């Protein structure tokens, strides 16, 4: 008997321009891959056993997606975004995360006008609106620079098998 386990992550980025007060989608990209962070894996086991009181869940009230401008390669020992100053966190869109079917969880957050207007080179999912929380994962990608007045959203789907 051989033990095995895998995870896969798909990240969808949607970019919108605001034209005459309306959001107009102008680009959608799909990226795959990320690194599960040790702190996030350990926190999931804590949540599964609830052996230390009341750990913070990755639910609608406590989940955030962060983006930053660091291209530092993702490593399991990291504890969040690696950007020094240009980083931002956004709360979950209503109804997210979704979970409980197909061995997956999906997080989705939008960065509106005036938020995260810098070069996007990394992302992470955490249970705090800064790096002080427990980050599940991190990846680097190049999405360009978010222009003033635009809305960009990230949808992160993590599947375990």
Protein backbone atom coordinates (compact mmCIF):
# COMPACT_ATOMS: atom_id res chain seq x y z
CA UNK A 1 0.00 0.00 0.00
CA UNK A 2 1.33 3.39 -0.95
CA UNK A 3 0.24 6.63 0.71
CA UNK A 4 -0.13 9.61 -1.51
CA UNK A 5 -1.76 12.98 -1.42
CA UNK A 6 -1.79 15.90 -3.74
CA UNK A 7 -3.06 19.41 -3.90
CA UNK A 8 -3.67 21.62 -6.86
CA UNK A 9 -4.51 25.29 -7.05
CA UNK A 10 -6.11 27.30 -9.80
CA UNK A 11 -6.14 31.11 -9.62
CA UNK A 12 -8.40 33.15 -11.86
CA UNK A 13 -7.65 36.88 -12.15
CA UNK A 14 -10.33 39.16 -13.55
CA UNK A 15 -9.57 42.77 -14.45
CA UNK A 16 -12.29 45.39 -14.82
CA UNK A 17 -12.23 48.98 -16.00
CA UNK A 18 -14.91 51.33 -14.76
CA UNK A 19 -16.59 52.98 -17.74
CA UNK A 20 -19.51 55.35 -17.15
CA UNK A 21 -19.94 53.86 -13.67
CA UNK A 22 -20.09 50.28 -14.96
CA UNK A 23 -17.58 47.50 -14.43
CA UNK A 24 -16.38 46.21 -17.79
CA UNK A 25 -14.30 43.03 -17.85
CA UNK A 26 -11.25 43.46 -20.07
CA UNK A 27 -9.00 40.53 -19.12
CA UNK A 28 -9.24 37.10 -17.50
CA UNK A 29 -6.20 34.93 -16.82
CA UNK A 30 -5.81 31.49 -15.25
CA UNK A 31 -2.70 30.38 -13.36
CA UNK A 32 -1.95 27.06 -11.71
CA UNK A 33 0.26 26.15 -8.78
CA UNK A 34 1.29 27.41 -5.39
CA UNK A 35 3.14 26.30 -2.27
CA UNK A 36 1.17 25.26 0.80
CA UNK A 37 2.81 27.04 3.72
CA UNK A 38 3.82 25.10 6.83
CA UNK A 39 1.93 27.52 9.10
CA UNK A 40 -1.26 26.99 7.10
CA UNK A 41 -0.95 23.21 7.06
CA UNK A 42 -0.34 23.14 10.82
CA UNK A 43 -3.29 25.47 11.38
CA UNK A 44 -5.57 23.18 9.36
CA UNK A 45 -4.65 20.27 11.66
CA UNK A 46 -5.37 22.50 14.66
CA UNK A 47 -8.78 23.36 13.21
CA UNK A 48 -9.45 19.67 12.53
CA UNK A 49 -8.77 18.73 16.15
CA UNK A 50 -9.60 22.03 17.91
CA UNK A 51 -6.98 21.11 20.51
CA UNK A 52 -5.99 24.68 21.43
CA UNK A 53 -9.26 26.41 22.24
CA UNK A 54 -10.76 28.44 19.42
CA UNK A 55 -8.47 28.65 16.40
CA UNK A 56 -9.42 31.19 13.73
CA UNK A 57 -11.18 29.44 10.84
CA UNK A 58 -10.83 30.20 7.15
CA UNK A 59 -14.45 31.29 6.85
CA UNK A 60 -16.22 34.25 5.24
CA UNK A 61 -15.57 36.53 8.22
CA UNK A 62 -11.90 35.61 8.63
CA UNK A 63 -10.53 34.79 5.16
CA UNK A 64 -8.59 37.27 3.06
CA UNK A 65 -6.61 37.20 -0.16
CA UNK A 66 -3.42 39.22 -0.17
CA UNK A 67 -1.39 40.50 -3.09
CA UNK A 68 2.05 42.08 -3.14
CA UNK A 69 4.94 43.11 -5.33
CA UNK A 70 7.60 40.63 -4.22
CA UNK A 71 8.91 38.13 -6.78
CA UNK A 72 10.71 36.12 -4.06
CA UNK A 73 10.18 32.43 -4.84
CA UNK A 74 7.54 30.72 -2.71
CA UNK A 75 8.87 28.44 0.04
CA UNK A 76 6.90 26.37 2.55
CA UNK A 77 8.60 28.06 5.56
CA UNK A 78 7.32 31.54 4.61
CA UNK A 79 4.62 33.10 6.76
CA UNK A 80 2.79 35.35 4.33
CA UNK A 81 3.43 37.88 1.61
CA UNK A 82 7.06 38.80 1.09
CA UNK A 83 6.55 42.37 -0.16
CA UNK A 84 7.91 45.03 2.20
CA UNK A 85 5.52 47.92 1.52
CA UNK A 86 3.36 47.25 -1.54
CA UNK A 87 0.89 44.67 -0.32
CA UNK A 88 -2.82 44.68 0.32
CA UNK A 89 -5.45 42.29 1.68
CA UNK A 90 -9.10 42.04 0.62
CA UNK A 91 -11.98 40.38 2.46
CA UNK A 92 -14.00 37.59 0.91
CA UNK A 93 -16.78 38.42 -1.51
CA UNK A 94 -20.22 37.53 -0.15
CA UNK A 95 -20.78 33.78 -0.09
CA UNK A 96 -17.09 32.84 -0.11
CA UNK A 97 -15.29 30.67 0.65
CA UNK A 98 -17.28 27.80 -0.80
CA UNK A 99 -16.37 24.26 0.26
CA UNK A 100 -17.71 20.82 1.09
CA UNK A 101 -17.83 19.26 -2.37
CA UNK A 102 -15.23 17.91 -4.80
CA UNK A 103 -12.50 18.03 -2.10
CA UNK A 104 -12.02 21.74 -2.73
CA UNK A 105 -12.35 25.18 -1.24
CA UNK A 106 -12.74 28.36 -3.28
CA UNK A 107 -11.84 31.83 -2.02
CA UNK A 108 -12.74 35.01 -3.91
CA UNK A 109 -11.96 38.65 -3.16
CA UNK A 110 -12.09 41.91 -5.08
CA UNK A 111 -9.63 44.78 -4.88
CA UNK A 112 -11.59 47.91 -5.77
CA UNK A 113 -10.56 51.37 -6.94
CA UNK A 114 -7.84 52.79 -4.71
CA UNK A 115 -6.77 49.37 -3.42
CA UNK A 116 -3.62 47.43 -4.37
CA UNK A 117 -2.63 49.87 -7.11
CA UNK A 118 0.87 48.50 -7.64
CA UNK A 119 2.55 45.66 -9.53
CA UNK A 120 1.01 42.28 -8.62
CA UNK A 121 3.72 39.61 -8.33
CA UNK A 122 2.50 37.40 -5.45
CA UNK A 123 -0.66 36.26 -3.69
CA UNK A 124 -1.62 34.41 -0.51
CA UNK A 125 -4.76 33.27 1.32
CA UNK A 126 -4.81 33.90 5.06
CA UNK A 127 -7.15 34.19 8.04
CA UNK A 128 -6.22 37.80 8.82
CA UNK A 129 -6.11 41.04 6.85
CA UNK A 130 -2.32 41.20 7.23
CA UNK A 131 0.62 38.83 7.57
CA UNK A 132 -0.11 38.22 11.27
CA UNK A 133 -2.63 35.48 10.47
CA UNK A 134 -2.08 31.92 9.37
CA UNK A 135 -1.43 31.87 5.62
CA UNK A 136 -2.51 28.73 3.77
CA UNK A 137 -0.40 29.18 0.69
CA UNK A 138 1.63 31.56 -1.46
CA UNK A 139 2.57 31.81 -5.11
CA UNK A 140 4.32 34.22 -7.38
CA UNK A 141 2.84 35.36 -10.67
CA UNK A 142 3.03 38.45 -12.84
CA UNK A 143 -0.31 40.15 -13.37
CA UNK A 144 0.88 43.62 -14.29
CA UNK A 145 0.25 46.88 -12.46
CA UNK A 146 -3.26 47.67 -11.27
CA UNK A 147 -4.19 51.11 -12.58
CA UNK A 148 -6.07 53.72 -10.56
CA UNK A 149 -9.82 53.29 -10.80
CA UNK A 150 -9.75 49.62 -11.82
CA UNK A 151 -11.26 46.65 -9.97
CA UNK A 152 -9.33 43.37 -10.00
CA UNK A 153 -10.49 40.13 -8.40
CA UNK A 154 -8.82 36.83 -7.56
CA UNK A 155 -10.55 33.48 -7.29
CA UNK A 156 -8.37 30.81 -5.65
CA UNK A 157 -9.50 27.18 -5.75
CA UNK A 158 -7.52 24.62 -3.75
CA UNK A 159 -8.22 20.94 -4.35
CA UNK A 160 -6.91 18.09 -2.17
CA UNK A 161 -6.82 14.52 -3.43
